[in-house]
Amino acid sequence: MVEGKIDMAARRQVTNKLRGQYRKASKADRSKILDRVVSTTGMGRSTARRMLTGPKLADPAEQVDGRALRARASAMTPGRCWSTCGH
């Protein structure tokens, strides 16, 4: 992990927790919340604002467990490539 920054899972937790407060706060209070998120997470101000105003992000555990792994569409193996080229 880079010094002064936290991982994406922790960023999601912070922004999900503060999202409701941010939306209900006055402009001055939103600025304070935004400053706190920026200093805590190491994100840029515009990124933090987008995360606080956008849709709620899934918890990382839910996202990983909910993914369906797909097979690659068409893996071009050397033998398959040669046969396609007519060799």
PDB file of N, CA and C in Angstrom:
ATOM      1  N   MET A   1       0.848  -1.177   0.000  1.00  0.00           N
ATOM      2  CA  MET A   1       0.000   0.000   0.000  1.00  0.00           C
ATOM      3  C   MET A   1       0.895   1.242   0.000  1.00  0.00           C
ATOM      4  N   VAL A   2       0.505   2.255  -0.710  1.00  0.00           N
ATOM      5  CA  VAL A   2       1.250   3.496  -0.800  1.00  0.00           C
ATOM      6  C   VAL A   2       1.069   4.283   0.487  1.00  0.00           C
ATOM      7  N   GLU A   3       2.137   4.918   0.936  1.00  0.00           N
ATOM      8  CA  GLU A   3       2.091   5.708   2.168  1.00  0.00           C
ATOM      9  C   GLU A   3       1.014   6.784   2.091  1.00  0.00           C
ATOM     10  N   GLY A   4       0.147   6.841   3.090  1.00  0.00           N
ATOM     11  CA  GLY A   4      -0.872   7.877   3.154  1.00  0.00           C
ATOM     12  C   GLY A   4      -2.154   7.548   2.413  1.00  0.00           C
ATOM     13  N   LYS A   5      -2.220   6.383   1.773  1.00  0.00           N
ATOM     14  CA  LYS A   5      -3.430   5.997   1.039  1.00  0.00           C
ATOM     15  C   LYS A   5      -3.948   4.677   1.595  1.00  0.00           C
ATOM     16  N   ILE A   6      -5.252   4.476   1.460  1.00  0.00           N
ATOM     17  CA  ILE A   6      -5.858   3.231   1.906  1.00  0.00           C
ATOM     18  C   ILE A   6      -6.404   2.479   0.708  1.00  0.00           C
ATOM     19  N   ASP A   7      -6.669   1.201   0.884  1.00  0.00           N
ATOM     20  CA  ASP A   7      -7.128   0.401  -0.253  1.00  0.00           C
ATOM     21  C   ASP A   7      -8.564   0.737  -0.630  1.00  0.00           C
ATOM     22  N   MET A   8      -8.972   0.250  -1.792  1.00  0.00           N
ATOM     23  CA  MET A   8     -10.285   0.593  -2.347  1.00  0.00           C
ATOM     24  C   MET A   8     -11.430   0.112  -1.465  1.00  0.00           C
ATOM     25  N   ALA A   9     -11.261  -1.035  -0.817  1.00  0.00           N
ATOM     26  CA  ALA A   9     -12.323  -1.548   0.052  1.00  0.00           C
ATOM     27  C   ALA A   9     -12.594  -0.575   1.200  1.00  0.00           C
ATOM     28  N   ALA A  10     -11.537  -0.053   1.786  1.00  0.00           N
ATOM     29  CA  ALA A  10     -11.708   0.904   2.877  1.00  0.00           C
ATOM     30  C   ALA A  10     -12.281   2.222   2.364  1.00  0.00           C
ATOM     31  N   ARG A  11     -11.910   2.623   1.174  1.00  0.00           N
ATOM     32  CA  ARG A  11     -12.473   3.847   0.584  1.00  0.00           C
ATOM     33  C   ARG A  11     -13.973   3.710   0.402  1.00  0.00           C
ATOM     34  N   ARG A  12     -14.388   2.544  -0.081  1.00  0.00           N
ATOM     35  CA  ARG A  12     -15.823   2.305  -0.271  1.00  0.00           C
ATOM     36  C   ARG A  12     -16.568   2.366   1.055  1.00  0.00           C
ATOM     37  N   GLN A  13     -15.983   1.773   2.082  1.00  0.00           N
ATOM     38  CA  GLN A  13     -16.632   1.784   3.392  1.00  0.00           C
ATOM     39  C   GLN A  13     -16.777   3.201   3.912  1.00  0.00           C
ATOM     40  N   VAL A  14     -15.728   4.003   3.760  1.00  0.00           N
ATOM     41  CA  VAL A  14     -15.763   5.392   4.235  1.00  0.00           C
ATOM     42  C   VAL A  14     -16.825   6.182   3.481  1.00  0.00           C
ATOM     43  N   THR A  15     -16.822   6.087   2.165  1.00  0.00           N
ATOM     44  CA  THR A  15     -17.769   6.883   1.385  1.00  0.00           C
ATOM     45  C   THR A  15     -19.199   6.394   1.565  1.00  0.00           C
ATOM     46  N   ASN A  16     -19.393   5.078   1.673  1.00  0.00           N
ATOM     47  CA  ASN A  16     -20.750   4.570   1.905  1.00  0.00           C
ATOM     48  C   ASN A  16     -21.284   5.028   3.257  1.00  0.00           C
ATOM     49  N   LYS A  17     -20.400   5.087   4.244  1.00  0.00           N
ATOM     50  CA  LYS A  17     -20.819   5.497   5.582  1.00  0.00           C
ATOM     51  C   LYS A  17     -21.186   6.984   5.628  1.00  0.00           C
ATOM     52  N   LEU A  18     -20.458   7.814   4.901  1.00  0.00           N
ATOM     53  CA  LEU A  18     -20.668   9.265   4.955  1.00  0.00           C
ATOM     54  C   LEU A  18     -21.634   9.782   3.890  1.00  0.00           C
ATOM     55  N   ARG A  19     -22.083   8.928   2.985  1.00  0.00           N
ATOM     56  CA  ARG A  19     -22.929   9.362   1.868  1.00  0.00           C
ATOM     57  C   ARG A  19     -24.211  10.045   2.343  1.00  0.00           C
ATOM     58  N   GLY A  20     -24.914   9.459   3.298  1.00  0.00           N
ATOM     59  CA  GLY A  20     -26.168  10.036   3.786  1.00  0.00           C
ATOM     60  C   GLY A  20     -25.957  11.380   4.465  1.00  0.00           C
ATOM     61  N   GLN A  21     -24.918  11.478   5.286  1.00  0.00           N
ATOM     62  CA  GLN A  21     -24.599  12.744   5.954  1.00  0.00           C
ATOM     63  C   GLN A  21     -24.271  13.826   4.934  1.00  0.00           C
ATOM     64  N   TYR A  22     -23.513  13.432   3.911  1.00  0.00           N
ATOM     65  CA  TYR A  22     -23.096  14.398   2.885  1.00  0.00           C
ATOM     66  C   TYR A  22     -24.307  14.954   2.143  1.00  0.00           C
ATOM     67  N   ARG A  23     -25.249  14.097   1.794  1.00  0.00           N
ATOM     68  CA  ARG A  23     -26.418  14.539   1.028  1.00  0.00           C
ATOM     69  C   ARG A  23     -27.331  15.447   1.830  1.00  0.00           C
ATOM     70  N   LYS A  24     -27.407  15.244   3.151  1.00  0.00           N
ATOM     71  CA  LYS A  24     -28.294  16.044   3.993  1.00  0.00           C
ATOM     72  C   LYS A  24     -27.630  17.317   4.513  1.00  0.00           C
ATOM     73  N   ALA A  25     -26.321  17.433   4.372  1.00  0.00           N
ATOM     74  CA  ALA A  25     -25.568  18.540   4.977  1.00  0.00           C
ATOM     75  C   ALA A  25     -25.713  19.832   4.177  1.00  0.00           C
ATOM     76  N   SER A  26     -25.462  20.948   4.873  1.00  0.00           N
ATOM     77  CA  SER A  26     -25.415  22.246   4.203  1.00  0.00           C
ATOM     78  C   SER A  26     -24.130  22.315   3.377  1.00  0.00           C
ATOM     79  N   LYS A  27     -24.009  23.345   2.566  1.00  0.00           N
ATOM     80  CA  LYS A  27     -22.839  23.465   1.699  1.00  0.00           C
ATOM     81  C   LYS A  27     -21.544  23.540   2.514  1.00  0.00           C
ATOM     82  N   ALA A  28     -21.559  24.290   3.614  1.00  0.00           N
ATOM     83  CA  ALA A  28     -20.364  24.411   4.457  1.00  0.00           C
ATOM     84  C   ALA A  28     -20.004  23.063   5.086  1.00  0.00           C
ATOM     85  N   ASP A  29     -21.029  22.335   5.537  1.00  0.00           N
ATOM     86  CA  ASP A  29     -20.772  21.033   6.135  1.00  0.00           C
ATOM     87  C   ASP A  29     -20.319  20.009   5.096  1.00  0.00           C
ATOM     88  N   ARG A  30     -20.864  20.093   3.885  1.00  0.00           N
ATOM     89  CA  ARG A  30     -20.415  19.198   2.814  1.00  0.00           C
ATOM     90  C   ARG A  30     -18.935  19.413   2.525  1.00  0.00           C
ATOM     91  N   SER A  31     -18.509  20.651   2.559  1.00  0.00           N
ATOM     92  CA  SER A  31     -17.102  20.950   2.325  1.00  0.00           C
ATOM     93  C   SER A  31     -16.221  20.310   3.399  1.00  0.00           C
ATOM     94  N   LYS A  32     -16.687  20.356   4.650  1.00  0.00           N
ATOM     95  CA  LYS A  32     -15.926  19.749   5.752  1.00  0.00           C
ATOM     96  C   LYS A  32     -15.878  18.230   5.599  1.00  0.00           C
ATOM     97  N   ILE A  33     -17.011  17.624   5.238  1.00  0.00           N
ATOM     98  CA  ILE A  33     -17.055  16.177   5.032  1.00  0.00           C
ATOM     99  C   ILE A  33     -16.125  15.789   3.893  1.00  0.00           C
ATOM    100  N   LEU A  34     -16.165  16.558   2.817  1.00  0.00           N
ATOM    101  CA  LEU A  34     -15.315  16.288   1.660  1.00  0.00           C
ATOM    102  C   LEU A  34     -13.839  16.397   2.040  1.00  0.00           C
ATOM    103  N   ASP A  35     -13.478  17.415   2.813  1.00  0.00           N
ATOM    104  CA  ASP A  35     -12.097  17.560   3.278  1.00  0.00           C
ATOM    105  C   ASP A  35     -11.666  16.349   4.098  1.00  0.00           C
ATOM    106  N   ARG A  36     -12.582  15.866   4.961  1.00  0.00           N
ATOM    107  CA  ARG A  36     -12.269  14.716   5.813  1.00  0.00           C
ATOM    108  C   ARG A  36     -12.066  13.462   4.970  1.00  0.00           C
ATOM    109  N   VAL A  37     -12.909  13.256   3.962  1.00  0.00           N
ATOM    110  CA  VAL A  37     -12.771  12.080   3.099  1.00  0.00           C
ATOM    111  C   VAL A  37     -11.468  12.142   2.313  1.00  0.00           C
ATOM    112  N   VAL A  38     -11.141  13.308   1.785  1.00  0.00           N
ATOM    113  CA  VAL A  38      -9.905  13.472   1.009  1.00  0.00           C
ATOM    114  C   VAL A  38      -8.684  13.190   1.883  1.00  0.00           C
ATOM    115  N   SER A  39      -8.667  13.714   3.106  1.00  0.00           N
ATOM    116  CA  SER A  39      -7.506  13.499   3.976  1.00  0.00           C
ATOM    117  C   SER A  39      -7.422  12.055   4.458  1.00  0.00           C
ATOM    118  N   THR A  40      -8.562  11.401   4.642  1.00  0.00           N
ATOM    119  CA  THR A  40      -8.569  10.024   5.130  1.00  0.00           C
ATOM    120  C   THR A  40      -8.190   9.030   4.045  1.00  0.00           C
ATOM    121  N   THR A  41      -8.737   9.197   2.858  1.00  0.00           N
ATOM    122  CA  THR A  41      -8.565   8.195   1.801  1.00  0.00           C
ATOM    123  C   THR A  41      -7.417   8.465   0.851  1.00  0.00           C
ATOM    124  N   GLY A  42      -7.003   9.718   0.733  1.00  0.00           N
ATOM    125  CA  GLY A  42      -5.959  10.050  -0.230  1.00  0.00           C
ATOM    126  C   GLY A  42      -6.503  10.246  -1.641  1.00  0.00           C
ATOM    127  N   MET A  43      -7.830  10.215  -1.798  1.00  0.00           N
ATOM    128  CA  MET A  43      -8.447  10.434  -3.115  1.00  0.00           C
ATOM    129  C   MET A  43      -8.393  11.909  -3.463  1.00  0.00           C
ATOM    130  N   GLY A  44      -8.547  12.199  -4.736  1.00  0.00           N
ATOM    131  CA  GLY A  44      -8.698  13.578  -5.163  1.00  0.00           C
ATOM    132  C   GLY A  44     -10.072  14.091  -4.766  1.00  0.00           C
ATOM    133  N   ARG A  45     -10.192  15.390  -4.697  1.00  0.00           N
ATOM    134  CA  ARG A  45     -11.441  16.008  -4.251  1.00  0.00           C
ATOM    135  C   ARG A  45     -12.611  15.688  -5.191  1.00  0.00           C
ATOM    136  N   SER A  46     -12.377  15.742  -6.484  1.00  0.00           N
ATOM    137  CA  SER A  46     -13.467  15.473  -7.431  1.00  0.00           C
ATOM    138  C   SER A  46     -13.886  14.000  -7.388  1.00  0.00           C
ATOM    139  N   THR A  47     -12.935  13.097  -7.205  1.00  0.00           N
ATOM    140  CA  THR A  47     -13.259  11.682  -7.094  1.00  0.00           C
ATOM    141  C   THR A  47     -14.067  11.418  -5.835  1.00  0.00           C
ATOM    142  N   ALA A  48     -13.656  12.024  -4.727  1.00  0.00           N
ATOM    143  CA  ALA A  48     -14.382  11.853  -3.468  1.00  0.00           C
ATOM    144  C   ALA A  48     -15.811  12.383  -3.603  1.00  0.00           C
ATOM    145  N   ARG A  49     -15.976  13.514  -4.255  1.00  0.00           N
ATOM    146  CA  ARG A  49     -17.314  14.090  -4.440  1.00  0.00           C
ATOM    147  C   ARG A  49     -18.188  13.157  -5.273  1.00  0.00           C
ATOM    148  N   ARG A  50     -17.626  12.599  -6.350  1.00  0.00           N
ATOM    149  CA  ARG A  50     -18.388  11.663  -7.184  1.00  0.00           C
ATOM    150  C   ARG A  50     -18.796  10.418  -6.400  1.00  0.00           C
ATOM    151  N   MET A  51     -17.903   9.927  -5.558  1.00  0.00           N
ATOM    152  CA  MET A  51     -18.220   8.736  -4.775  1.00  0.00           C
ATOM    153  C   MET A  51     -19.273   9.028  -3.714  1.00  0.00           C
ATOM    154  N   LEU A  52     -19.292  10.246  -3.186  1.00  0.00           N
ATOM    155  CA  LEU A  52     -20.271  10.600  -2.157  1.00  0.00           C
ATOM    156  C   LEU A  52     -21.641  10.912  -2.744  1.00  0.00           C
ATOM    157  N   THR A  53     -21.688  11.373  -3.976  1.00  0.00           N
ATOM    158  CA  THR A  53     -22.968  11.754  -4.571  1.00  0.00           C
ATOM    159  C   THR A  53     -23.532  10.682  -5.492  1.00  0.00           C
ATOM    160  N   GLY A  54     -22.707   9.752  -5.914  1.00  0.00           N
ATOM    161  CA  GLY A  54     -23.148   8.719  -6.838  1.00  0.00           C
ATOM    162  C   GLY A  54     -23.901   7.605  -6.135  1.00  0.00           C
ATOM    163  N   PRO A  55     -24.182   6.534  -6.863  1.00  0.00           N
ATOM    164  CA  PRO A  55     -24.895   5.398  -6.267  1.00  0.00           C
ATOM    165  C   PRO A  55     -24.017   4.691  -5.243  1.00  0.00           C
ATOM    166  N   LYS A  56     -24.676   4.013  -4.301  1.00  0.00           N
ATOM    167  CA  LYS A  56     -23.951   3.288  -3.267  1.00  0.00           C
ATOM    168  C   LYS A  56     -23.145   2.182  -3.920  1.00  0.00           C
ATOM    169  N   LEU A  57     -21.890   2.078  -3.547  1.00  0.00           N
ATOM    170  CA  LEU A  57     -21.017   1.059  -4.106  1.00  0.00           C
ATOM    171  C   LEU A  57     -21.166  -0.230  -3.313  1.00  0.00           C
ATOM    172  N   ALA A  58     -21.102  -1.337  -3.994  1.00  0.00           N
ATOM    173  CA  ALA A  58     -21.200  -2.629  -3.319  1.00  0.00           C
ATOM    174  C   ALA A  58     -19.991  -2.839  -2.427  1.00  0.00           C
ATOM    175  N   ASP A  59     -20.204  -3.526  -1.307  1.00  0.00           N
ATOM    176  CA  ASP A  59     -19.072  -3.887  -0.474  1.00  0.00           C
ATOM    177  C   ASP A  59     -18.192  -4.831  -1.277  1.00  0.00           C
ATOM    178  N   PRO A  60     -16.870  -4.748  -1.124  1.00  0.00           N
ATOM    179  CA  PRO A  60     -15.974  -5.585  -1.927  1.00  0.00           C
ATOM    180  C   PRO A  60     -16.263  -7.078  -1.788  1.00  0.00           C
ATOM    181  N   ALA A  61     -16.620  -7.546  -0.588  1.00  0.00           N
ATOM    182  CA  ALA A  61     -16.912  -8.969  -0.413  1.00  0.00           C
ATOM    183  C   ALA A  61     -18.132  -9.374  -1.222  1.00  0.00           C
ATOM    184  N   GLU A  62     -19.147  -8.525  -1.259  1.00  0.00           N
ATOM    185  CA  GLU A  62     -20.350  -8.817  -2.031  1.00  0.00           C
ATOM    186  C   GLU A  62     -20.043  -8.831  -3.524  1.00  0.00           C
ATOM    187  N   GLN A  63     -19.213  -7.909  -3.961  1.00  0.00           N
ATOM    188  CA  GLN A  63     -18.907  -7.810  -5.386  1.00  0.00           C
ATOM    189  C   GLN A  63     -18.127  -9.030  -5.851  1.00  0.00           C
ATOM    190  N   VAL A  64     -17.111  -9.435  -5.116  1.00  0.00           N
ATOM    191  CA  VAL A  64     -16.281 -10.565  -5.536  1.00  0.00           C
ATOM    192  C   VAL A  64     -17.099 -11.841  -5.518  1.00  0.00           C
ATOM    193  N   ASP A  65     -17.872 -12.061  -4.467  1.00  0.00           N
ATOM    194  CA  ASP A  65     -18.661 -13.286  -4.374  1.00  0.00           C
ATOM    195  C   ASP A  65     -19.788 -13.311  -5.400  1.00  0.00           C
ATOM    196  N   GLY A  66     -20.256 -12.143  -5.822  1.00  0.00           N
ATOM    197  CA  GLY A  66     -21.370 -12.081  -6.751  1.00  0.00           C
ATOM    198  C   GLY A  66     -20.979 -12.175  -8.206  1.00  0.00           C
ATOM    199  N   ARG A  67     -19.695 -12.130  -8.478  1.00  0.00           N
ATOM    200  CA  ARG A  67     -19.257 -12.166  -9.875  1.00  0.00           C
ATOM    201  C   ARG A  67     -19.370 -13.564 -10.459  1.00  0.00           C
ATOM    202  N   ALA A  68     -19.731 -13.610 -11.712  1.00  0.00           N
ATOM    203  CA  ALA A  68     -19.737 -14.866 -12.442  1.00  0.00           C
ATOM    204  C   ALA A  68     -18.527 -14.866 -13.368  1.00  0.00           C
ATOM    205  N   LEU A  69     -17.666 -15.828 -13.186  1.00  0.00           N
ATOM    206  CA  LEU A  69     -16.484 -15.889 -14.029  1.00  0.00           C
ATOM    207  C   LEU A  69     -16.871 -16.470 -15.377  1.00  0.00           C
ATOM    208  N   ARG A  70     -16.391 -15.845 -16.427  1.00  0.00           N
ATOM    209  CA  ARG A  70     -16.709 -16.287 -17.785  1.00  0.00           C
ATOM    210  C   ARG A  70     -15.460 -16.824 -18.453  1.00  0.00           C
ATOM    211  N   ALA A  71     -15.658 -17.784 -19.312  1.00  0.00           N
ATOM    212  CA  ALA A  71     -14.543 -18.291 -20.104  1.00  0.00           C
ATOM    213  C   ALA A  71     -14.191 -17.264 -21.175  1.00  0.00           C
ATOM    214  N   ARG A  72     -12.970 -17.277 -21.582  1.00  0.00           N
ATOM    215  CA  ARG A  72     -12.561 -16.348 -22.637  1.00  0.00           C
ATOM    216  C   ARG A  72     -13.301 -16.694 -23.920  1.00  0.00           C
ATOM    217  N   ALA A  73     -13.670 -15.683 -24.669  1.00  0.00           N
ATOM    218  CA  ALA A  73     -14.482 -15.871 -25.874  1.00  0.00           C
ATOM    219  C   ALA A  73     -13.767 -16.728 -26.911  1.00  0.00           C
ATOM    220  N   SER A  74     -12.590 -16.329 -27.300  1.00  0.00           N
ATOM    221  CA  SER A  74     -11.862 -17.120 -28.287  1.00  0.00           C
ATOM    222  C   SER A  74     -10.373 -16.941 -28.046  1.00  0.00           C
ATOM    223  N   ALA A  75      -9.792 -17.936 -27.457  1.00  0.00           N
ATOM    224  CA  ALA A  75      -8.351 -17.902 -27.237  1.00  0.00           C
ATOM    225  C   ALA A  75      -7.682 -18.440 -28.493  1.00  0.00           C
ATOM    226  N   MET A  76      -6.889 -17.630 -29.128  1.00  0.00           N
ATOM    227  CA  MET A  76      -6.222 -18.013 -30.362  1.00  0.00           C
ATOM    228  C   MET A  76      -4.941 -18.757 -29.995  1.00  0.00           C
ATOM    229  N   THR A  77      -4.971 -20.082 -30.080  1.00  0.00           N
ATOM    230  CA  THR A  77      -3.785 -20.888 -29.809  1.00  0.00           C
ATOM    231  C   THR A  77      -2.939 -20.920 -31.077  1.00  0.00           C
ATOM    232  N   PRO A  78      -1.658 -21.201 -30.942  1.00  0.00           N
ATOM    233  CA  PRO A  78      -0.816 -21.226 -32.158  1.00  0.00           C
ATOM    234  C   PRO A  78      -1.322 -22.202 -33.216  1.00  0.00           C
ATOM    235  N   GLY A  79      -1.756 -23.397 -32.805  1.00  0.00           N
ATOM    236  CA  GLY A  79      -2.266 -24.364 -33.780  1.00  0.00           C
ATOM    237  C   GLY A  79      -3.511 -23.857 -34.470  1.00  0.00           C
ATOM    238  N   ARG A  80      -4.381 -23.231 -33.727  1.00  0.00           N
ATOM    239  CA  ARG A  80      -5.611 -22.691 -34.298  1.00  0.00           C
ATOM    240  C   ARG A  80      -5.308 -21.532 -35.245  1.00  0.00           C
ATOM    241  N   CYS A  81      -4.321 -20.742 -34.884  1.00  0.00           N
ATOM    242  CA  CYS A  81      -3.929 -19.606 -35.731  1.00  0.00           C
ATOM    243  C   CYS A  81      -3.398 -20.108 -37.072  1.00  0.00           C
ATOM    244  N   TRP A  82      -2.543 -21.143 -37.032  1.00  0.00           N
ATOM    245  CA  TRP A  82      -1.974 -21.679 -38.268  1.00  0.00           C
ATOM    246  C   TRP A  82      -3.057 -22.298 -39.136  1.00  0.00           C
ATOM    247  N   SER A  83      -3.998 -23.007 -38.535  1.00  0.00           N
ATOM    248  CA  SER A  83      -5.036 -23.630 -39.343  1.00  0.00           C
ATOM    249  C   SER A  83      -5.953 -22.564 -39.961  1.00  0.00           C
ATOM    250  N   THR A  84      -6.170 -21.472 -39.263  1.00  0.00           N
ATOM    251  CA  THR A  84      -6.988 -20.388 -39.779  1.00  0.00           C
ATOM    252  C   THR A  84      -6.311 -19.709 -40.966  1.00  0.00           C
ATOM    253  N   CYS A  85      -4.981 -19.627 -40.890  1.00  0.00           N
ATOM    254  CA  CYS A  85      -4.219 -18.976 -41.955  1.00  0.00           C
ATOM    255  C   CYS A  85      -4.015 -19.884 -43.166  1.00  0.00           C
ATOM    256  N   GLY A  86      -4.366 -21.171 -43.029  1.00  0.00           N
ATOM    257  CA  GLY A  86      -4.231 -22.085 -44.165  1.00  0.00           C
ATOM    258  C   GLY A  86      -2.897 -22.799 -44.226  1.00  0.00           C
ATOM    259  N   HIS A  87      -2.178 -22.846 -43.132  1.00  0.00           N
ATOM    260  CA  HIS A  87      -0.871 -23.554 -43.123  1.00  0.00           C
ATOM    261  C   HIS A  87      -0.990 -24.899 -42.528  1.00  0.00           C
TER     262      HIS A  87
END
